[in-house]
Amino acid sequence: MLFNQGFLGTAAPFYIDFVTIYFAVFPLLMAFTIYLAVKRKYKEHFISQAFLLAISYYYYYYNCF
């Protein structure tokens, strides 16, 4: 499934398309977590940062090893 043709209309595999979309949205998600910290919503900030870290580590581990 991961090595089937992707959904962006290129010849790239599916996982490359998925990772491309994720890292295109990643800066917006980081800006949102910074916004939570500025608004002193520390619990939500911690949860969102932990979620982004877990997803990033998962993609790194899954695609590099």
PDB file of N, CA and C in Angstrom:
ATOM      1  N   MET A   1       0.818  -1.192   0.000  1.00  0.00           N
ATOM      2  CA  MET A   1       0.000   0.000   0.000  1.00  0.00           C
ATOM      3  C   MET A   1       0.865   1.261   0.000  1.00  0.00           C
ATOM      4  N   LEU A   2       1.919   1.266   0.792  1.00  0.00           N
ATOM      5  CA  LEU A   2       2.743   2.466   0.895  1.00  0.00           C
ATOM      6  C   LEU A   2       3.488   2.774  -0.391  1.00  0.00           C
ATOM      7  N   PHE A   3       3.779   1.748  -1.187  1.00  0.00           N
ATOM      8  CA  PHE A   3       4.556   1.971  -2.399  1.00  0.00           C
ATOM      9  C   PHE A   3       3.685   2.074  -3.640  1.00  0.00           C
ATOM     10  N   ASN A   4       2.361   2.101  -3.469  1.00  0.00           N
ATOM     11  CA  ASN A   4       1.466   2.368  -4.589  1.00  0.00           C
ATOM     12  C   ASN A   4       1.610   3.823  -4.997  1.00  0.00           C
ATOM     13  N   GLN A   5       1.080   4.141  -6.168  1.00  0.00           N
ATOM     14  CA  GLN A   5       1.151   5.525  -6.639  1.00  0.00           C
ATOM     15  C   GLN A   5       0.397   6.434  -5.681  1.00  0.00           C
ATOM     16  N   GLY A   6       0.953   7.601  -5.443  1.00  0.00           N
ATOM     17  CA  GLY A   6       0.380   8.552  -4.497  1.00  0.00           C
ATOM     18  C   GLY A   6      -0.866   9.239  -5.013  1.00  0.00           C
ATOM     19  N   PHE A   7      -1.423  10.095  -4.173  1.00  0.00           N
ATOM     20  CA  PHE A   7      -2.684  10.768  -4.477  1.00  0.00           C
ATOM     21  C   PHE A   7      -2.501  12.191  -4.979  1.00  0.00           C
ATOM     22  N   LEU A   8      -1.279  12.679  -5.074  1.00  0.00           N
ATOM     23  CA  LEU A   8      -1.049  14.046  -5.542  1.00  0.00           C
ATOM     24  C   LEU A   8      -0.896  14.141  -7.060  1.00  0.00           C
ATOM     25  N   GLY A   9      -1.023  13.029  -7.752  1.00  0.00           N
ATOM     26  CA  GLY A   9      -0.955  13.042  -9.205  1.00  0.00           C
ATOM     27  C   GLY A   9       0.447  12.947  -9.767  1.00  0.00           C
ATOM     28  N   THR A  10       1.407  12.600  -8.936  1.00  0.00           N
ATOM     29  CA  THR A  10       2.775  12.417  -9.411  1.00  0.00           C
ATOM     30  C   THR A  10       3.107  10.936  -9.390  1.00  0.00           C
ATOM     31  N   ALA A  11       4.301  10.604  -9.785  1.00  0.00           N
ATOM     32  CA  ALA A  11       4.732   9.207  -9.769  1.00  0.00           C
ATOM     33  C   ALA A  11       5.311   8.800  -8.420  1.00  0.00           C
ATOM     34  N   ALA A  12       5.287   9.695  -7.458  1.00  0.00           N
ATOM     35  CA  ALA A  12       5.840   9.406  -6.131  1.00  0.00           C
ATOM     36  C   ALA A  12       4.960   8.397  -5.391  1.00  0.00           C
ATOM     37  N   PRO A  13       5.558   7.609  -4.506  1.00  0.00           N
ATOM     38  CA  PRO A  13       4.774   6.661  -3.712  1.00  0.00           C
ATOM     39  C   PRO A  13       3.818   7.372  -2.756  1.00  0.00           C
ATOM     40  N   PHE A  14       2.867   6.602  -2.272  1.00  0.00           N
ATOM     41  CA  PHE A  14       1.839   7.130  -1.373  1.00  0.00           C
ATOM     42  C   PHE A  14       2.446   7.762  -0.128  1.00  0.00           C
ATOM     43  N   TYR A  15       3.414   7.094   0.486  1.00  0.00           N
ATOM     44  CA  TYR A  15       3.951   7.617   1.749  1.00  0.00           C
ATOM     45  C   TYR A  15       4.680   8.943   1.544  1.00  0.00           C
ATOM     46  N   ILE A  16       5.289   9.151   0.391  1.00  0.00           N
ATOM     47  CA  ILE A  16       5.948  10.434   0.122  1.00  0.00           C
ATOM     48  C   ILE A  16       4.905  11.538   0.016  1.00  0.00           C
ATOM     49  N   ASP A  17       3.781  11.260  -0.636  1.00  0.00           N
ATOM     50  CA  ASP A  17       2.706  12.254  -0.718  1.00  0.00           C
ATOM     51  C   ASP A  17       2.168  12.584   0.667  1.00  0.00           C
ATOM     52  N   PHE A  18       1.985  11.560   1.488  1.00  0.00           N
ATOM     53  CA  PHE A  18       1.450  11.762   2.833  1.00  0.00           C
ATOM     54  C   PHE A  18       2.413  12.589   3.688  1.00  0.00           C
ATOM     55  N   VAL A  19       3.686  12.273   3.628  1.00  0.00           N
ATOM     56  CA  VAL A  19       4.689  13.007   4.401  1.00  0.00           C
ATOM     57  C   VAL A  19       4.817  14.441   3.888  1.00  0.00           C
ATOM     58  N   THR A  20       4.695  14.647   2.593  1.00  0.00           N
ATOM     59  CA  THR A  20       4.747  15.993   2.022  1.00  0.00           C
ATOM     60  C   THR A  20       3.617  16.855   2.560  1.00  0.00           C
ATOM     61  N   ILE A  21       2.422  16.310   2.600  1.00  0.00           N
ATOM     62  CA  ILE A  21       1.277  17.049   3.138  1.00  0.00           C
ATOM     63  C   ILE A  21       1.489  17.339   4.622  1.00  0.00           C
ATOM     64  N   TYR A  22       1.976  16.347   5.366  1.00  0.00           N
ATOM     65  CA  TYR A  22       2.189  16.540   6.802  1.00  0.00           C
ATOM     66  C   TYR A  22       3.181  17.671   7.064  1.00  0.00           C
ATOM     67  N   PHE A  23       4.303  17.657   6.363  1.00  0.00           N
ATOM     68  CA  PHE A  23       5.313  18.684   6.619  1.00  0.00           C
ATOM     69  C   PHE A  23       4.957  20.032   6.004  1.00  0.00           C
ATOM     70  N   ALA A  24       3.991  20.066   5.115  1.00  0.00           N
ATOM     71  CA  ALA A  24       3.476  21.355   4.643  1.00  0.00           C
ATOM     72  C   ALA A  24       2.572  21.987   5.696  1.00  0.00           C
ATOM     73  N   VAL A  25       1.855  21.159   6.453  1.00  0.00           N
ATOM     74  CA  VAL A  25       0.930  21.637   7.487  1.00  0.00           C
ATOM     75  C   VAL A  25       1.641  21.813   8.832  1.00  0.00           C
ATOM     76  N   PHE A  26       2.784  21.175   8.998  1.00  0.00           N
ATOM     77  CA  PHE A  26       3.508  21.184  10.267  1.00  0.00           C
ATOM     78  C   PHE A  26       3.790  22.588  10.807  1.00  0.00           C
ATOM     79  N   PRO A  27       4.253  23.551  10.005  1.00  0.00           N
ATOM     80  CA  PRO A  27       4.488  24.900  10.557  1.00  0.00           C
ATOM     81  C   PRO A  27       3.220  25.554  11.101  1.00  0.00           C
ATOM     82  N   LEU A  28       2.094  25.303  10.474  1.00  0.00           N
ATOM     83  CA  LEU A  28       0.828  25.843  10.984  1.00  0.00           C
ATOM     84  C   LEU A  28       0.475  25.224  12.333  1.00  0.00           C
ATOM     85  N   LEU A  29       0.713  23.926  12.453  1.00  0.00           N
ATOM     86  CA  LEU A  29       0.451  23.258  13.728  1.00  0.00           C
ATOM     87  C   LEU A  29       1.392  23.769  14.819  1.00  0.00           C
ATOM     88  N   MET A  30       2.644  24.007  14.464  1.00  0.00           N
ATOM     89  CA  MET A  30       3.586  24.565  15.437  1.00  0.00           C
ATOM     90  C   MET A  30       3.170  25.972  15.856  1.00  0.00           C
ATOM     91  N   ALA A  31       2.703  26.770  14.916  1.00  0.00           N
ATOM     92  CA  ALA A  31       2.232  28.120  15.245  1.00  0.00           C
ATOM     93  C   ALA A  31       1.046  28.051  16.195  1.00  0.00           C
ATOM     94  N   PHE A  32       0.177  27.066  15.993  1.00  0.00           N
ATOM     95  CA  PHE A  32      -0.966  26.901  16.885  1.00  0.00           C
ATOM     96  C   PHE A  32      -0.516  26.548  18.296  1.00  0.00           C
ATOM     97  N   THR A  33       0.477  25.678  18.427  1.00  0.00           N
ATOM     98  CA  THR A  33       0.952  25.318  19.766  1.00  0.00           C
ATOM     99  C   THR A  33       1.639  26.499  20.447  1.00  0.00           C
ATOM    100  N   ILE A  34       2.334  27.313  19.677  1.00  0.00           N
ATOM    101  CA  ILE A  34       2.935  28.526  20.247  1.00  0.00           C
ATOM    102  C   ILE A  34       1.848  29.477  20.712  1.00  0.00           C
ATOM    103  N   TYR A  35       0.790  29.592  19.932  1.00  0.00           N
ATOM    104  CA  TYR A  35      -0.350  30.430  20.309  1.00  0.00           C
ATOM    105  C   TYR A  35      -0.941  29.966  21.645  1.00  0.00           C
ATOM    106  N   LEU A  36      -1.055  28.652  21.828  1.00  0.00           N
ATOM    107  CA  LEU A  36      -1.577  28.130  23.091  1.00  0.00           C
ATOM    108  C   LEU A  36      -0.675  28.512  24.263  1.00  0.00           C
ATOM    109  N   ALA A  37       0.626  28.465  24.062  1.00  0.00           N
ATOM    110  CA  ALA A  37       1.553  28.837  25.134  1.00  0.00           C
ATOM    111  C   ALA A  37       1.448  30.321  25.460  1.00  0.00           C
ATOM    112  N   VAL A  38       1.296  31.151  24.444  1.00  0.00           N
ATOM    113  CA  VAL A  38       1.173  32.594  24.670  1.00  0.00           C
ATOM    114  C   VAL A  38      -0.101  32.906  25.447  1.00  0.00           C
ATOM    115  N   LYS A  39      -1.164  32.158  25.166  1.00  0.00           N
ATOM    116  CA  LYS A  39      -2.439  32.362  25.861  1.00  0.00           C
ATOM    117  C   LYS A  39      -2.482  31.662  27.221  1.00  0.00           C
ATOM    118  N   ARG A  40      -1.340  31.147  27.654  1.00  0.00           N
ATOM    119  CA  ARG A  40      -1.181  30.482  28.954  1.00  0.00           C
ATOM    120  C   ARG A  40      -2.083  29.252  29.126  1.00  0.00           C
ATOM    121  N   LYS A  41      -2.315  28.560  28.042  1.00  0.00           N
ATOM    122  CA  LYS A  41      -3.037  27.284  28.078  1.00  0.00           C
ATOM    123  C   LYS A  41      -1.983  26.181  28.011  1.00  0.00           C
ATOM    124  N   TYR A  42      -1.282  26.036  29.123  1.00  0.00           N
ATOM    125  CA  TYR A  42      -0.100  25.187  29.143  1.00  0.00           C
ATOM    126  C   TYR A  42      -0.419  23.704  28.983  1.00  0.00           C
ATOM    127  N   LYS A  43      -1.528  23.252  29.524  1.00  0.00           N
ATOM    128  CA  LYS A  43      -1.879  21.837  29.389  1.00  0.00           C
ATOM    129  C   LYS A  43      -2.153  21.495  27.925  1.00  0.00           C
ATOM    130  N   GLU A  44      -2.935  22.329  27.245  1.00  0.00           N
ATOM    131  CA  GLU A  44      -3.223  22.103  25.835  1.00  0.00           C
ATOM    132  C   GLU A  44      -1.952  22.227  24.985  1.00  0.00           C
ATOM    133  N   HIS A  45      -1.097  23.174  25.371  1.00  0.00           N
ATOM    134  CA  HIS A  45       0.174  23.354  24.672  1.00  0.00           C
ATOM    135  C   HIS A  45       1.028  22.092  24.802  1.00  0.00           C
ATOM    136  N   PHE A  46       1.124  21.556  25.998  1.00  0.00           N
ATOM    137  CA  PHE A  46       1.913  20.344  26.220  1.00  0.00           C
ATOM    138  C   PHE A  46       1.355  19.172  25.420  1.00  0.00           C
ATOM    139  N   ILE A  47       0.043  19.006  25.423  1.00  0.00           N
ATOM    140  CA  ILE A  47      -0.579  17.897  24.694  1.00  0.00           C
ATOM    141  C   ILE A  47      -0.322  18.025  23.196  1.00  0.00           C
ATOM    142  N   SER A  48      -0.487  19.224  22.665  1.00  0.00           N
ATOM    143  CA  SER A  48      -0.280  19.407  21.228  1.00  0.00           C
ATOM    144  C   SER A  48       1.190  19.222  20.847  1.00  0.00           C
ATOM    145  N   GLN A  49       2.105  19.686  21.686  1.00  0.00           N
ATOM    146  CA  GLN A  49       3.529  19.483  21.413  1.00  0.00           C
ATOM    147  C   GLN A  49       3.887  17.998  21.477  1.00  0.00           C
ATOM    148  N   ALA A  50       3.355  17.298  22.454  1.00  0.00           N
ATOM    149  CA  ALA A  50       3.624  15.865  22.572  1.00  0.00           C
ATOM    150  C   ALA A  50       3.075  15.106  21.367  1.00  0.00           C
ATOM    151  N   PHE A  51       1.906  15.504  20.900  1.00  0.00           N
ATOM    152  CA  PHE A  51       1.307  14.872  19.726  1.00  0.00           C
ATOM    153  C   PHE A  51       2.179  15.093  18.487  1.00  0.00           C
ATOM    154  N   LEU A  52       2.621  16.321  18.265  1.00  0.00           N
ATOM    155  CA  LEU A  52       3.472  16.605  17.111  1.00  0.00           C
ATOM    156  C   LEU A  52       4.805  15.868  17.202  1.00  0.00           C
ATOM    157  N   LEU A  53       5.366  15.797  18.384  1.00  0.00           N
ATOM    158  CA  LEU A  53       6.618  15.076  18.570  1.00  0.00           C
ATOM    159  C   LEU A  53       6.437  13.587  18.280  1.00  0.00           C
ATOM    160  N   ALA A  54       5.370  13.004  18.788  1.00  0.00           N
ATOM    161  CA  ALA A  54       5.118  11.581  18.569  1.00  0.00           C
ATOM    162  C   ALA A  54       4.909  11.273  17.087  1.00  0.00           C
ATOM    163  N   ILE A  55       4.136  12.094  16.412  1.00  0.00           N
ATOM    164  CA  ILE A  55       3.897  11.879  14.984  1.00  0.00           C
ATOM    165  C   ILE A  55       5.190  12.049  14.189  1.00  0.00           C
ATOM    166  N   SER A  56       5.975  13.048  14.522  1.00  0.00           N
ATOM    167  CA  SER A  56       7.238  13.274  13.810  1.00  0.00           C
ATOM    168  C   SER A  56       8.213  12.119  14.026  1.00  0.00           C
ATOM    169  N   TYR A  57       8.326  11.644  15.257  1.00  0.00           N
ATOM    170  CA  TYR A  57       9.194  10.501  15.520  1.00  0.00           C
ATOM    171  C   TYR A  57       8.701   9.256  14.800  1.00  0.00           C
ATOM    172  N   TYR A  58       7.400   9.065  14.768  1.00  0.00           N
ATOM    173  CA  TYR A  58       6.841   7.907  14.070  1.00  0.00           C
ATOM    174  C   TYR A  58       7.210   7.951  12.591  1.00  0.00           C
ATOM    175  N   TYR A  59       7.017   9.090  11.932  1.00  0.00           N
ATOM    176  CA  TYR A  59       7.358   9.203  10.512  1.00  0.00           C
ATOM    177  C   TYR A  59       8.846   9.002  10.288  1.00  0.00           C
ATOM    178  N   TYR A  60       9.668   9.573  11.152  1.00  0.00           N
ATOM    179  CA  TYR A  60      11.109   9.411  11.010  1.00  0.00           C
ATOM    180  C   TYR A  60      11.506   7.944  11.146  1.00  0.00           C
ATOM    181  N   TYR A  61      11.028   7.292  12.181  1.00  0.00           N
ATOM    182  CA  TYR A  61      11.385   5.899  12.419  1.00  0.00           C
ATOM    183  C   TYR A  61      10.845   5.004  11.318  1.00  0.00           C
ATOM    184  N   TYR A  62       9.606   5.234  10.910  1.00  0.00           N
ATOM    185  CA  TYR A  62       8.956   4.376   9.924  1.00  0.00           C
ATOM    186  C   TYR A  62       9.608   4.511   8.554  1.00  0.00           C
ATOM    187  N   ASN A  63      10.049   5.703   8.185  1.00  0.00           N
ATOM    188  CA  ASN A  63      10.603   5.918   6.853  1.00  0.00           C
ATOM    189  C   ASN A  63      12.113   5.746   6.789  1.00  0.00           C
ATOM    190  N   CYS A  64      12.799   5.790   7.916  1.00  0.00           N
ATOM    191  CA  CYS A  64      14.257   5.692   7.885  1.00  0.00           C
ATOM    192  C   CYS A  64      14.779   4.310   8.234  1.00  0.00           C
ATOM    193  N   PHE A  65      13.999   3.498   8.902  1.00  0.00           N
ATOM    194  CA  PHE A  65      14.506   2.186   9.315  1.00  0.00           C
ATOM    195  C   PHE A  65      13.715   1.064   8.732  1.00  0.00           C
TER     196      PHE A  65
END
